[in-house]
Amino acid sequence: MCGVCGCGDQHQHSPKHSHILGLSPTRMVKIEQDILAKNNHYAAENRRYFTERQMLVLNLVSSPGSGKTTLLTETIERLKADTEIAVIEGDQQTSRDAERISATGVPALQINTGKGCHLEAQRIGLALDSLQPKAQSVLFIENVGNLVCPSGFDLGEAHKVVILSVTEGEDKPIKYPDMFHAANLMLLNKIDLLPYLDFDVEQCLAYAKQVNPNIEIIQLSAKSGQGLEEWQTWIKNQQALQA
């Protein structure tokens, strides 16, 4: 079991930051390399599938409670009139989020990971066989709520999009740098709550840029709608690049 986040996997974190009784650091490195190599093989197959169908695939990552599913449902409602959309939902248990997505009228498939703290490329590939997303569509993958494990696992997506809510603290980018370094876009969510919180927006943005100078940032609120048009435009621009 991982000694950092309590997931059921041994391979999530660098040996210099954790240890497993009975395994040497060298053996841990080998296990991690083997698992990531296998995952990358399936991710390459997924990416080929997406490229052939000119699909835009976004891997949405965040900690629990960031408002990821609410933001996704609002995004779908704004895009679905002229965009083909499908969703893969990742959670350890229940199908509640997939049910919320299905209520918008777009196809959704739930993957439950049990004790696992992230989605893997092989399971995404298997999900595609059932979901059968349309060519030139947008596929949203809502990953398991976790800012550690999903950072190192390529699913074949075009972009990782990290969602950070203003209720979480402005230092998240430097506390979980691997995730923010891996992401192409950061969505700073729930900005409608800023008047009620002690949250330093500028410091948060500076921390994100410190970790990843190239990261794009959009400030928005799924509740008030502020910033959602900019987010929609970003998606449309990325979709055009897949054609």
C-alpha atoms as a PDB file:
ATOM      1  CA  MET A   1       0.000   0.000   0.000  1.00  0.00           C
ATOM      2  CA  CYS A   2       1.195   3.505  -0.824  1.00  0.00           C
ATOM      3  CA  GLY A   3       2.557   5.218   2.269  1.00  0.00           C
ATOM      4  CA  VAL A   4       1.652   8.706   1.098  1.00  0.00           C
ATOM      5  CA  CYS A   5      -2.006   8.718   0.065  1.00  0.00           C
ATOM      6  CA  GLY A   6      -3.218   5.317   1.253  1.00  0.00           C
ATOM      7  CA  CYS A   7      -4.153   3.952  -2.160  1.00  0.00           C
ATOM      8  CA  GLY A   8      -3.890   0.286  -2.978  1.00  0.00           C
ATOM      9  CA  ASP A   9      -0.935   0.721  -5.337  1.00  0.00           C
ATOM     10  CA  GLN A  10       2.785   0.530  -4.648  1.00  0.00           C
ATOM     11  CA  HIS A  11       3.932   2.618  -7.577  1.00  0.00           C
ATOM     12  CA  GLN A  12       2.458   6.056  -7.151  1.00  0.00           C
ATOM     13  CA  HIS A  13       5.292   7.959  -5.528  1.00  0.00           C
ATOM     14  CA  SER A  14       9.017   8.267  -5.950  1.00  0.00           C
ATOM     15  CA  PRO A  15      11.060   6.029  -3.618  1.00  0.00           C
ATOM     16  CA  LYS A  16      12.935   9.041  -2.324  1.00  0.00           C
ATOM     17  CA  HIS A  17       9.657  10.231  -0.780  1.00  0.00           C
ATOM     18  CA  SER A  18       8.267   6.908   0.476  1.00  0.00           C
ATOM     19  CA  HIS A  19       9.189   3.353   1.353  1.00  0.00           C
ATOM     20  CA  ILE A  20       7.570  -0.064   1.417  1.00  0.00           C
ATOM     21  CA  LEU A  21       8.698  -2.657   3.935  1.00  0.00           C
ATOM     22  CA  GLY A  22      10.663  -5.420   2.199  1.00  0.00           C
ATOM     23  CA  LEU A  23      11.312  -3.513  -1.034  1.00  0.00           C
ATOM     24  CA  SER A  24      14.588  -1.756  -1.741  1.00  0.00           C
ATOM     25  CA  PRO A  25      14.544   1.657  -3.460  1.00  0.00           C
ATOM     26  CA  THR A  26      16.031   0.023  -6.570  1.00  0.00           C
ATOM     27  CA  ARG A  27      13.256  -2.575  -6.684  1.00  0.00           C
ATOM     28  CA  MET A  28      10.621   0.126  -6.182  1.00  0.00           C
ATOM     29  CA  VAL A  29      12.027   2.107  -9.099  1.00  0.00           C
ATOM     30  CA  LYS A  30      11.862  -0.989 -11.302  1.00  0.00           C
ATOM     31  CA  ILE A  31       8.234  -1.667 -10.322  1.00  0.00           C
ATOM     32  CA  GLU A  32       7.282   1.932 -11.025  1.00  0.00           C
ATOM     33  CA  GLN A  33       9.073   1.942 -14.380  1.00  0.00           C
ATOM     34  CA  ASP A  34       7.402  -1.317 -15.444  1.00  0.00           C
ATOM     35  CA  ILE A  35       3.918  -0.120 -14.539  1.00  0.00           C
ATOM     36  CA  LEU A  36       4.348   3.274 -16.174  1.00  0.00           C
ATOM     37  CA  ALA A  37       5.790   1.670 -19.319  1.00  0.00           C
ATOM     38  CA  LYS A  38       2.745  -0.605 -19.560  1.00  0.00           C
ATOM     39  CA  ASN A  39       0.422   2.337 -19.003  1.00  0.00           C
ATOM     40  CA  ASN A  40       2.221   4.416 -21.634  1.00  0.00           C
ATOM     41  CA  HIS A  41       1.774   1.604 -24.165  1.00  0.00           C
ATOM     42  CA  TYR A  42      -1.994   1.670 -23.690  1.00  0.00           C
ATOM     43  CA  ALA A  43      -1.987   5.486 -23.649  1.00  0.00           C
ATOM     44  CA  ALA A  44      -0.294   5.483 -27.069  1.00  0.00           C
ATOM     45  CA  GLU A  45      -3.020   3.165 -28.384  1.00  0.00           C
ATOM     46  CA  ASN A  46      -5.699   5.472 -26.977  1.00  0.00           C
ATOM     47  CA  ARG A  47      -4.021   8.520 -28.503  1.00  0.00           C
ATOM     48  CA  ARG A  48      -3.934   6.810 -31.907  1.00  0.00           C
ATOM     49  CA  TYR A  49      -7.661   6.085 -31.563  1.00  0.00           C
ATOM     50  CA  PHE A  50      -8.401   9.719 -30.676  1.00  0.00           C
ATOM     51  CA  THR A  51      -6.206  11.127 -33.439  1.00  0.00           C
ATOM     52  CA  GLU A  52      -7.771   8.942 -36.115  1.00  0.00           C
ATOM     53  CA  ARG A  53     -11.215  10.189 -35.065  1.00  0.00           C
ATOM     54  CA  GLN A  54     -10.118  13.825 -34.635  1.00  0.00           C
ATOM     55  CA  MET A  55     -11.354  13.829 -31.058  1.00  0.00           C
ATOM     56  CA  LEU A  56     -10.441  16.327 -28.359  1.00  0.00           C
ATOM     57  CA  VAL A  57      -9.845  14.497 -25.079  1.00  0.00           C
ATOM     58  CA  LEU A  58      -9.504  16.389 -21.802  1.00  0.00           C
ATOM     59  CA  ASN A  59      -8.428  14.727 -18.559  1.00  0.00           C
ATOM     60  CA  LEU A  60     -10.021  16.688 -15.692  1.00  0.00           C
ATOM     61  CA  VAL A  61      -8.080  16.343 -12.442  1.00  0.00           C
ATOM     62  CA  SER A  62      -8.569  17.867  -9.007  1.00  0.00           C
ATOM     63  CA  SER A  63      -8.867  17.122  -5.321  1.00  0.00           C
ATOM     64  CA  PRO A  64     -12.290  16.034  -3.998  1.00  0.00           C
ATOM     65  CA  GLY A  65     -14.755  18.879  -3.555  1.00  0.00           C
ATOM     66  CA  SER A  66     -13.320  21.218  -6.180  1.00  0.00           C
ATOM     67  CA  GLY A  67     -16.649  21.389  -8.006  1.00  0.00           C
ATOM     68  CA  LYS A  68     -15.383  19.322 -10.933  1.00  0.00           C
ATOM     69  CA  THR A  69     -18.644  17.507 -11.708  1.00  0.00           C
ATOM     70  CA  THR A  70     -20.794  20.624 -11.347  1.00  0.00           C
ATOM     71  CA  LEU A  71     -18.453  22.508 -13.657  1.00  0.00           C
ATOM     72  CA  LEU A  72     -18.572  19.644 -16.131  1.00  0.00           C
ATOM     73  CA  THR A  73     -22.375  19.522 -16.208  1.00  0.00           C
ATOM     74  CA  GLU A  74     -22.543  23.293 -16.754  1.00  0.00           C
ATOM     75  CA  THR A  75     -19.953  23.021 -19.524  1.00  0.00           C
ATOM     76  CA  ILE A  76     -21.900  20.253 -21.230  1.00  0.00           C
ATOM     77  CA  GLU A  77     -25.136  22.244 -21.109  1.00  0.00           C
ATOM     78  CA  ARG A  78     -23.394  25.126 -22.877  1.00  0.00           C
ATOM     79  CA  LEU A  79     -21.673  23.005 -25.534  1.00  0.00           C
ATOM     80  CA  LYS A  80     -24.044  20.156 -26.346  1.00  0.00           C
ATOM     81  CA  ALA A  81     -26.221  22.040 -28.848  1.00  0.00           C
ATOM     82  CA  ASP A  82     -23.429  22.103 -31.432  1.00  0.00           C
ATOM     83  CA  THR A  83     -20.800  19.696 -30.077  1.00  0.00           C
ATOM     84  CA  GLU A  84     -20.791  15.923 -29.786  1.00  0.00           C
ATOM     85  CA  ILE A  85     -19.758  15.073 -26.215  1.00  0.00           C
ATOM     86  CA  ALA A  86     -19.059  11.910 -24.247  1.00  0.00           C
ATOM     87  CA  VAL A  87     -17.828  11.471 -20.671  1.00  0.00           C
ATOM     88  CA  ILE A  88     -15.872   8.845 -18.762  1.00  0.00           C
ATOM     89  CA  GLU A  89     -16.286   9.187 -15.004  1.00  0.00           C
ATOM     90  CA  GLY A  90     -13.737   7.868 -12.520  1.00  0.00           C
ATOM     91  CA  ASP A  91     -14.528   7.322  -8.854  1.00  0.00           C
ATOM     92  CA  GLN A  92     -13.551   4.796  -6.243  1.00  0.00           C
ATOM     93  CA  GLN A  93     -17.196   3.908  -5.564  1.00  0.00           C
ATOM     94  CA  THR A  94     -20.787   4.670  -6.745  1.00  0.00           C
ATOM     95  CA  SER A  95     -22.126   5.817 -10.108  1.00  0.00           C
ATOM     96  CA  ARG A  96     -23.537   9.112  -8.815  1.00  0.00           C
ATOM     97  CA  ASP A  97     -21.414  11.367 -11.030  1.00  0.00           C
ATOM     98  CA  ALA A  98     -22.116   9.360 -14.199  1.00  0.00           C
ATOM     99  CA  GLU A  99     -25.825   9.612 -13.392  1.00  0.00           C
ATOM    100  CA  ARG A 100     -25.519  13.393 -13.072  1.00  0.00           C
ATOM    101  CA  ILE A 101     -23.760  13.551 -16.429  1.00  0.00           C
ATOM    102  CA  SER A 102     -26.274  11.232 -18.116  1.00  0.00           C
ATOM    103  CA  ALA A 103     -29.052  13.568 -16.967  1.00  0.00           C
ATOM    104  CA  THR A 104     -27.657  16.202 -19.356  1.00  0.00           C
ATOM    105  CA  GLY A 105     -28.393  13.875 -22.269  1.00  0.00           C
ATOM    106  CA  VAL A 106     -24.824  12.988 -23.237  1.00  0.00           C
ATOM    107  CA  PRO A 107     -23.419   9.429 -23.079  1.00  0.00           C
ATOM    108  CA  ALA A 108     -21.454   8.707 -19.915  1.00  0.00           C
ATOM    109  CA  LEU A 109     -19.686   5.649 -18.555  1.00  0.00           C
ATOM    110  CA  GLN A 110     -18.597   5.091 -14.957  1.00  0.00           C
ATOM    111  CA  ILE A 111     -15.321   3.436 -13.977  1.00  0.00           C
ATOM    112  CA  ASN A 112     -15.032   2.486 -10.309  1.00  0.00           C
ATOM    113  CA  THR A 113     -11.441   2.013  -9.200  1.00  0.00           C
ATOM    114  CA  GLY A 114     -12.086   0.521  -5.748  1.00  0.00           C
ATOM    115  CA  LYS A 115      -8.976   1.309  -3.703  1.00  0.00           C
ATOM    116  CA  GLY A 116      -7.163   2.754  -6.714  1.00  0.00           C
ATOM    117  CA  CYS A 117      -6.615   6.505  -6.651  1.00  0.00           C
ATOM    118  CA  HIS A 118      -6.447   7.183 -10.393  1.00  0.00           C
ATOM    119  CA  LEU A 119      -7.613   6.036 -13.810  1.00  0.00           C
ATOM    120  CA  GLU A 120      -5.255   4.062 -16.041  1.00  0.00           C
ATOM    121  CA  ALA A 121      -4.972   4.049 -19.823  1.00  0.00           C
ATOM    122  CA  GLN A 122      -5.945   0.399 -20.236  1.00  0.00           C
ATOM    123  CA  ARG A 123      -9.277   0.938 -18.499  1.00  0.00           C
ATOM    124  CA  ILE A 124      -9.932   3.994 -20.662  1.00  0.00           C
ATOM    125  CA  GLY A 125      -9.348   1.850 -23.747  1.00  0.00           C
ATOM    126  CA  LEU A 126     -11.821  -0.744 -22.505  1.00  0.00           C
ATOM    127  CA  ALA A 127     -14.352   1.985 -21.734  1.00  0.00           C
ATOM    128  CA  LEU A 128     -14.087   3.279 -25.299  1.00  0.00           C
ATOM    129  CA  ASP A 129     -15.274  -0.083 -26.609  1.00  0.00           C
ATOM    130  CA  SER A 130     -18.522   0.372 -24.675  1.00  0.00           C
ATOM    131  CA  LEU A 131     -18.929   4.131 -24.978  1.00  0.00           C
ATOM    132  CA  GLN A 132     -18.152   4.382 -28.716  1.00  0.00           C
ATOM    133  CA  PRO A 133     -17.654   8.182 -28.787  1.00  0.00           C
ATOM    134  CA  LYS A 134     -18.328   9.818 -32.140  1.00  0.00           C
ATOM    135  CA  ALA A 135     -15.667  11.151 -34.468  1.00  0.00           C
ATOM    136  CA  GLN A 136     -14.790  14.846 -33.975  1.00  0.00           C
ATOM    137  CA  SER A 137     -16.352  14.767 -30.518  1.00  0.00           C
ATOM    138  CA  VAL A 138     -15.101  16.098 -27.199  1.00  0.00           C
ATOM    139  CA  LEU A 139     -14.407  13.397 -24.616  1.00  0.00           C
ATOM    140  CA  PHE A 140     -14.151  14.536 -21.016  1.00  0.00           C
ATOM    141  CA  ILE A 141     -12.436  12.140 -18.613  1.00  0.00           C
ATOM    142  CA  GLU A 142     -13.253  13.080 -15.026  1.00  0.00           C
ATOM    143  CA  ASN A 143     -10.476  11.459 -13.044  1.00  0.00           C
ATOM    144  CA  VAL A 144     -10.629  10.249  -9.458  1.00  0.00           C
ATOM    145  CA  GLY A 145     -10.423  13.137  -6.994  1.00  0.00           C
ATOM    146  CA  ASN A 146      -6.718  13.200  -6.122  1.00  0.00           C
ATOM    147  CA  LEU A 147      -3.897  15.672  -6.763  1.00  0.00           C
ATOM    148  CA  VAL A 148      -1.109  13.078  -6.468  1.00  0.00           C
ATOM    149  CA  CYS A 149      -1.630   9.802  -8.317  1.00  0.00           C
ATOM    150  CA  PRO A 150      -3.200  10.937 -11.626  1.00  0.00           C
ATOM    151  CA  SER A 151      -0.300  13.287 -12.402  1.00  0.00           C
ATOM    152  CA  GLY A 152       2.000  10.544 -13.690  1.00  0.00           C
ATOM    153  CA  PHE A 153      -0.536   8.516 -15.670  1.00  0.00           C
ATOM    154  CA  ASP A 154      -1.029   9.426 -19.323  1.00  0.00           C
ATOM    155  CA  LEU A 155      -4.463   8.351 -20.569  1.00  0.00           C
ATOM    156  CA  GLY A 156      -3.879   9.407 -24.172  1.00  0.00           C
ATOM    157  CA  GLU A 157      -5.513  12.784 -23.582  1.00  0.00           C
ATOM    158  CA  ALA A 158      -4.643  15.989 -25.404  1.00  0.00           C
ATOM    159  CA  HIS A 159      -4.518  17.970 -22.154  1.00  0.00           C
ATOM    160  CA  LYS A 160      -4.686  17.568 -18.420  1.00  0.00           C
ATOM    161  CA  VAL A 161      -6.915  20.288 -16.965  1.00  0.00           C
ATOM    162  CA  VAL A 162      -6.421  20.830 -13.239  1.00  0.00           C
ATOM    163  CA  ILE A 163      -9.309  22.356 -11.306  1.00  0.00           C
ATOM    164  CA  LEU A 164      -8.574  24.221  -8.091  1.00  0.00           C
ATOM    165  CA  SER A 165     -11.327  25.833  -6.039  1.00  0.00           C
ATOM    166  CA  VAL A 166     -10.801  28.938  -3.953  1.00  0.00           C
ATOM    167  CA  THR A 167     -11.991  27.014  -0.890  1.00  0.00           C
ATOM    168  CA  GLU A 168      -8.861  24.834  -0.955  1.00  0.00           C
ATOM    169  CA  GLY A 169      -6.009  27.275  -0.309  1.00  0.00           C
ATOM    170  CA  GLU A 170      -3.749  29.207  -2.632  1.00  0.00           C
ATOM    171  CA  ASP A 171      -0.689  27.050  -1.920  1.00  0.00           C
ATOM    172  CA  LYS A 172      -2.009  23.889  -3.624  1.00  0.00           C
ATOM    173  CA  PRO A 173       0.211  24.355  -6.712  1.00  0.00           C
ATOM    174  CA  ILE A 174       3.409  24.226  -4.654  1.00  0.00           C
ATOM    175  CA  LYS A 175       2.118  21.478  -2.338  1.00  0.00           C
ATOM    176  CA  TYR A 176       1.237  19.252  -5.311  1.00  0.00           C
ATOM    177  CA  PRO A 177       3.676  20.459  -7.977  1.00  0.00           C
ATOM    178  CA  ASP A 178       3.666  17.315 -10.137  1.00  0.00           C
ATOM    179  CA  MET A 179       0.009  17.752 -10.989  1.00  0.00           C
ATOM    180  CA  PHE A 180       0.257  21.435 -11.811  1.00  0.00           C
ATOM    181  CA  HIS A 181       3.417  20.826 -13.824  1.00  0.00           C
ATOM    182  CA  ALA A 182       1.644  18.122 -15.843  1.00  0.00           C
ATOM    183  CA  ALA A 183      -1.419  20.270 -16.564  1.00  0.00           C
ATOM    184  CA  ASN A 184      -1.771  22.562 -19.562  1.00  0.00           C
ATOM    185  CA  LEU A 185      -4.640  24.531 -18.066  1.00  0.00           C
ATOM    186  CA  MET A 186      -5.685  25.470 -14.535  1.00  0.00           C
ATOM    187  CA  LEU A 187      -9.300  26.380 -13.844  1.00  0.00           C
ATOM    188  CA  LEU A 188      -9.620  28.434 -10.666  1.00  0.00           C
ATOM    189  CA  ASN A 189     -13.180  27.557  -9.677  1.00  0.00           C
ATOM    190  CA  LYS A 190     -15.801  28.937  -7.268  1.00  0.00           C
ATOM    191  CA  ILE A 191     -14.595  32.526  -7.602  1.00  0.00           C
ATOM    192  CA  ASP A 192     -18.111  33.645  -6.643  1.00  0.00           C
ATOM    193  CA  LEU A 193     -17.087  32.735  -3.074  1.00  0.00           C
ATOM    194  CA  LEU A 194     -14.053  35.042  -2.977  1.00  0.00           C
ATOM    195  CA  PRO A 195     -15.834  37.816  -1.015  1.00  0.00           C
ATOM    196  CA  TYR A 196     -16.368  35.330   1.822  1.00  0.00           C
ATOM    197  CA  LEU A 197     -12.900  33.787   1.921  1.00  0.00           C
ATOM    198  CA  ASP A 198      -9.359  34.717   2.821  1.00  0.00           C
ATOM    199  CA  PHE A 199      -7.876  33.563  -0.485  1.00  0.00           C
ATOM    200  CA  ASP A 200      -5.025  35.357  -2.238  1.00  0.00           C
ATOM    201  CA  VAL A 201      -5.743  34.954  -5.957  1.00  0.00           C
ATOM    202  CA  GLU A 202      -2.558  36.634  -7.143  1.00  0.00           C
ATOM    203  CA  GLN A 203      -0.420  34.469  -4.875  1.00  0.00           C
ATOM    204  CA  CYS A 204      -2.177  31.344  -6.151  1.00  0.00           C
ATOM    205  CA  LEU A 205      -1.544  32.322  -9.767  1.00  0.00           C
ATOM    206  CA  ALA A 206       2.085  33.096  -8.953  1.00  0.00           C
ATOM    207  CA  TYR A 207       2.542  29.689  -7.338  1.00  0.00           C
ATOM    208  CA  ALA A 208       1.026  27.973 -10.388  1.00  0.00           C
ATOM    209  CA  LYS A 209       3.350  29.877 -12.733  1.00  0.00           C
ATOM    210  CA  GLN A 210       6.296  29.107 -10.454  1.00  0.00           C
ATOM    211  CA  VAL A 211       5.639  25.384 -10.868  1.00  0.00           C
ATOM    212  CA  ASN A 212       4.664  25.590 -14.550  1.00  0.00           C
ATOM    213  CA  PRO A 213       5.521  28.838 -16.375  1.00  0.00           C
ATOM    214  CA  ASN A 214       3.535  27.713 -19.432  1.00  0.00           C
ATOM    215  CA  ILE A 215       0.286  26.839 -17.672  1.00  0.00           C
ATOM    216  CA  GLU A 216      -2.798  28.705 -18.868  1.00  0.00           C
ATOM    217  CA  ILE A 217      -5.220  29.925 -16.214  1.00  0.00           C
ATOM    218  CA  ILE A 218      -8.930  30.709 -16.373  1.00  0.00           C
ATOM    219  CA  GLN A 219     -10.833  32.026 -13.376  1.00  0.00           C
ATOM    220  CA  LEU A 220     -14.466  30.957 -13.332  1.00  0.00           C
ATOM    221  CA  SER A 221     -17.563  30.001 -11.389  1.00  0.00           C
ATOM    222  CA  ALA A 222     -19.900  27.188 -12.387  1.00  0.00           C
ATOM    223  CA  LYS A 223     -22.577  28.774 -10.183  1.00  0.00           C
ATOM    224  CA  SER A 224     -22.502  32.381 -11.430  1.00  0.00           C
ATOM    225  CA  GLY A 225     -21.306  31.611 -14.953  1.00  0.00           C
ATOM    226  CA  GLN A 226     -18.393  34.003 -14.708  1.00  0.00           C
ATOM    227  CA  GLY A 227     -15.501  32.843 -16.886  1.00  0.00           C
ATOM    228  CA  LEU A 228     -17.431  29.973 -18.483  1.00  0.00           C
ATOM    229  CA  GLU A 229     -17.456  31.672 -21.887  1.00  0.00           C
ATOM    230  CA  GLU A 230     -13.662  31.894 -21.802  1.00  0.00           C
ATOM    231  CA  TRP A 231     -13.516  28.185 -20.888  1.00  0.00           C
ATOM    232  CA  GLN A 232     -15.886  27.339 -23.757  1.00  0.00           C
ATOM    233  CA  THR A 233     -13.732  29.321 -26.175  1.00  0.00           C
ATOM    234  CA  TRP A 234     -10.614  27.475 -24.986  1.00  0.00           C
ATOM    235  CA  ILE A 235     -12.327  24.130 -25.633  1.00  0.00           C
ATOM    236  CA  LYS A 236     -13.497  25.210 -29.087  1.00  0.00           C
ATOM    237  CA  ASN A 237     -10.017  26.423 -29.997  1.00  0.00           C
ATOM    238  CA  GLN A 238      -8.469  23.139 -28.871  1.00  0.00           C
ATOM    239  CA  GLN A 239     -11.106  21.182 -30.771  1.00  0.00           C
ATOM    240  CA  ALA A 240     -10.288  23.071 -33.956  1.00  0.00           C
ATOM    241  CA  LEU A 241      -6.650  21.976 -33.605  1.00  0.00           C
ATOM    242  CA  GLN A 242      -7.694  18.315 -33.762  1.00  0.00           C
ATOM    243  CA  ALA A 243      -9.293  18.684 -37.209  1.00  0.00           C
END
